[in-house]
Amino acid sequence: MKIIKYLSDLITEELDGACEYAKKAVKYKDDDPTMGKLFYDLSIEEMQHVDRLHNQVVTEIRNYRTAHGEPPAEMQAVYDYIHEHHIEKASKIKAMQMQYRGQ
């Protein structure tokens, strides 16, 4: 399914952006609080994009299952691999966001 690959690629891009923003938020937190807050807010927004894109992937997979049954094992394995990386990166980003918030 090309649309799932495309959405997954977009998720990767959004995670990369959120990660960069979260790093900058932590970096600027003390020395330039205005910049720190800007980057923190941008990181949060990127993660909201990730959530929206992920919800669409779930919908696409559900629709595929309804129309065609279970996806081929190879397709599912690739998606599971990518999804696991997304989860790991999202966890790191959330940890940086918590660090910014002092938690």
C-alpha atoms as a PDB file:
ATOM      1  CA  MET A   1       0.000   0.000   0.000  1.00  0.00           C
ATOM      2  CA  LYS A   2       1.682   3.136  -1.230  1.00  0.00           C
ATOM      3  CA  ILE A   3      -0.407   5.434   0.945  1.00  0.00           C
ATOM      4  CA  ILE A   4       0.767   3.720   4.144  1.00  0.00           C
ATOM      5  CA  LYS A   5       4.389   4.054   3.049  1.00  0.00           C
ATOM      6  CA  TYR A   6       3.822   7.713   2.184  1.00  0.00           C
ATOM      7  CA  LEU A   7       2.146   8.418   5.539  1.00  0.00           C
ATOM      8  CA  SER A   8       4.923   6.559   7.361  1.00  0.00           C
ATOM      9  CA  ASP A   9       7.522   8.660   5.566  1.00  0.00           C
ATOM     10  CA  LEU A  10       5.662  11.806   6.633  1.00  0.00           C
ATOM     11  CA  ILE A  11       5.608  10.546  10.222  1.00  0.00           C
ATOM     12  CA  THR A  12       9.379  10.092  10.067  1.00  0.00           C
ATOM     13  CA  GLU A  13       9.789  13.670   8.811  1.00  0.00           C
ATOM     14  CA  GLU A  14       7.539  15.060  11.542  1.00  0.00           C
ATOM     15  CA  LEU A  15       9.420  13.087  14.205  1.00  0.00           C
ATOM     16  CA  ASP A  16      12.723  14.414  12.905  1.00  0.00           C
ATOM     17  CA  GLY A  17      11.379  17.957  13.123  1.00  0.00           C
ATOM     18  CA  ALA A  18       9.934  17.427  16.598  1.00  0.00           C
ATOM     19  CA  CYS A  19      13.261  16.020  17.760  1.00  0.00           C
ATOM     20  CA  GLU A  20      15.229  18.999  16.471  1.00  0.00           C
ATOM     21  CA  TYR A  21      12.783  21.434  18.052  1.00  0.00           C
ATOM     22  CA  ALA A  22      12.862  19.570  21.381  1.00  0.00           C
ATOM     23  CA  LYS A  23      16.683  19.666  21.404  1.00  0.00           C
ATOM     24  CA  LYS A  24      16.609  23.407  20.749  1.00  0.00           C
ATOM     25  CA  ALA A  25      13.980  23.926  23.461  1.00  0.00           C
ATOM     26  CA  VAL A  26      16.233  22.289  26.041  1.00  0.00           C
ATOM     27  CA  LYS A  27      19.265  24.188  24.742  1.00  0.00           C
ATOM     28  CA  TYR A  28      17.604  27.616  24.970  1.00  0.00           C
ATOM     29  CA  LYS A  29      15.443  27.009  28.035  1.00  0.00           C
ATOM     30  CA  ASP A  30      17.651  28.868  30.509  1.00  0.00           C
ATOM     31  CA  ASP A  31      19.604  31.300  28.317  1.00  0.00           C
ATOM     32  CA  ASP A  32      16.715  32.491  26.152  1.00  0.00           C
ATOM     33  CA  PRO A  33      13.354  31.387  27.593  1.00  0.00           C
ATOM     34  CA  THR A  34      11.379  32.940  24.723  1.00  0.00           C
ATOM     35  CA  MET A  35      13.298  30.884  22.161  1.00  0.00           C
ATOM     36  CA  GLY A  36      13.085  27.825  24.377  1.00  0.00           C
ATOM     37  CA  LYS A  37       9.295  28.138  24.584  1.00  0.00           C
ATOM     38  CA  LEU A  38       9.034  28.675  20.824  1.00  0.00           C
ATOM     39  CA  PHE A  39      10.966  25.502  20.081  1.00  0.00           C
ATOM     40  CA  TYR A  40       9.055  23.551  22.733  1.00  0.00           C
ATOM     41  CA  ASP A  41       5.726  24.641  21.234  1.00  0.00           C
ATOM     42  CA  LEU A  42       6.908  23.718  17.738  1.00  0.00           C
ATOM     43  CA  SER A  43       7.978  20.296  18.991  1.00  0.00           C
ATOM     44  CA  ILE A  44       4.534  19.766  20.524  1.00  0.00           C
ATOM     45  CA  GLU A  45       2.866  20.802  17.257  1.00  0.00           C
ATOM     46  CA  GLU A  46       5.002  18.370  15.263  1.00  0.00           C
ATOM     47  CA  MET A  47       4.010  15.569  17.626  1.00  0.00           C
ATOM     48  CA  GLN A  48       0.366  16.482  17.066  1.00  0.00           C
ATOM     49  CA  HIS A  49       1.006  16.060  13.342  1.00  0.00           C
ATOM     50  CA  VAL A  50       2.537  12.657  14.091  1.00  0.00           C
ATOM     51  CA  ASP A  51      -0.595  11.633  15.980  1.00  0.00           C
ATOM     52  CA  ARG A  52      -2.866  12.739  13.153  1.00  0.00           C
ATOM     53  CA  LEU A  53      -0.795  10.944  10.529  1.00  0.00           C
ATOM     54  CA  HIS A  54      -0.624   7.801  12.657  1.00  0.00           C
ATOM     55  CA  ASN A  55      -4.404   7.828  13.094  1.00  0.00           C
ATOM     56  CA  GLN A  56      -4.726   7.949   9.318  1.00  0.00           C
ATOM     57  CA  VAL A  57      -2.344   4.999   8.937  1.00  0.00           C
ATOM     58  CA  VAL A  58      -4.504   3.019  11.373  1.00  0.00           C
ATOM     59  CA  THR A  59      -7.575   3.933   9.312  1.00  0.00           C
ATOM     60  CA  GLU A  60      -5.882   2.895   6.071  1.00  0.00           C
ATOM     61  CA  ILE A  61      -4.857  -0.452   7.559  1.00  0.00           C
ATOM     62  CA  ARG A  62      -8.376  -1.021   8.881  1.00  0.00           C
ATOM     63  CA  ASN A  63      -9.824  -0.194   5.457  1.00  0.00           C
ATOM     64  CA  TYR A  64      -7.357  -2.550   3.782  1.00  0.00           C
ATOM     65  CA  ARG A  65      -8.347  -5.367   6.133  1.00  0.00           C
ATOM     66  CA  THR A  66     -12.020  -4.754   5.447  1.00  0.00           C
ATOM     67  CA  ALA A  67     -11.526  -4.811   1.689  1.00  0.00           C
ATOM     68  CA  HIS A  68      -8.802  -7.452   1.329  1.00  0.00           C
ATOM     69  CA  GLY A  69      -8.338  -9.315   4.595  1.00  0.00           C
ATOM     70  CA  GLU A  70      -5.055  -9.429   6.455  1.00  0.00           C
ATOM     71  CA  PRO A  71      -2.158  -7.684   4.713  1.00  0.00           C
ATOM     72  CA  PRO A  72       0.646  -9.864   3.354  1.00  0.00           C
ATOM     73  CA  ALA A  73       3.119 -10.907   6.064  1.00  0.00           C
ATOM     74  CA  GLU A  74       5.962  -9.041   4.341  1.00  0.00           C
ATOM     75  CA  MET A  75       3.966  -5.807   4.268  1.00  0.00           C
ATOM     76  CA  GLN A  76       3.014  -6.165   7.920  1.00  0.00           C
ATOM     77  CA  ALA A  77       6.619  -6.934   8.905  1.00  0.00           C
ATOM     78  CA  VAL A  78       7.898  -3.791   7.192  1.00  0.00           C
ATOM     79  CA  TYR A  79       5.211  -1.662   8.801  1.00  0.00           C
ATOM     80  CA  ASP A  80       5.898  -3.174  12.236  1.00  0.00           C
ATOM     81  CA  TYR A  81       9.621  -2.430  11.850  1.00  0.00           C
ATOM     82  CA  ILE A  82       9.024   1.198  10.874  1.00  0.00           C
ATOM     83  CA  HIS A  83       6.364   1.641  13.531  1.00  0.00           C
ATOM     84  CA  GLU A  84       8.734   0.376  16.238  1.00  0.00           C
ATOM     85  CA  HIS A  85      11.311   2.991  15.206  1.00  0.00           C
ATOM     86  CA  HIS A  86       8.634   5.663  15.311  1.00  0.00           C
ATOM     87  CA  ILE A  87       7.668   4.630  18.835  1.00  0.00           C
ATOM     88  CA  GLU A  88      11.296   4.705  20.009  1.00  0.00           C
ATOM     89  CA  LYS A  89      11.918   8.159  18.532  1.00  0.00           C
ATOM     90  CA  ALA A  90       8.644   9.510  19.943  1.00  0.00           C
ATOM     91  CA  SER A  91       9.691   8.288  23.399  1.00  0.00           C
ATOM     92  CA  LYS A  92      12.987  10.157  23.134  1.00  0.00           C
ATOM     93  CA  ILE A  93      11.208  13.309  22.016  1.00  0.00           C
ATOM     94  CA  LYS A  94       8.726  13.114  24.873  1.00  0.00           C
ATOM     95  CA  ALA A  95      11.626  12.689  27.302  1.00  0.00           C
ATOM     96  CA  MET A  96      13.245  15.868  25.949  1.00  0.00           C
ATOM     97  CA  GLN A  97       9.933  17.700  26.200  1.00  0.00           C
ATOM     98  CA  MET A  98       9.650  16.579  29.818  1.00  0.00           C
ATOM     99  CA  GLN A  99      13.215  17.745  30.423  1.00  0.00           C
ATOM    100  CA  TYR A 100      12.256  21.159  29.074  1.00  0.00           C
ATOM    101  CA  ARG A 101       9.295  21.257  31.455  1.00  0.00           C
ATOM    102  CA  GLY A 102      11.579  20.298  34.331  1.00  0.00           C
ATOM    103  CA  GLN A 103       9.966  16.923  34.944  1.00  0.00           C
END
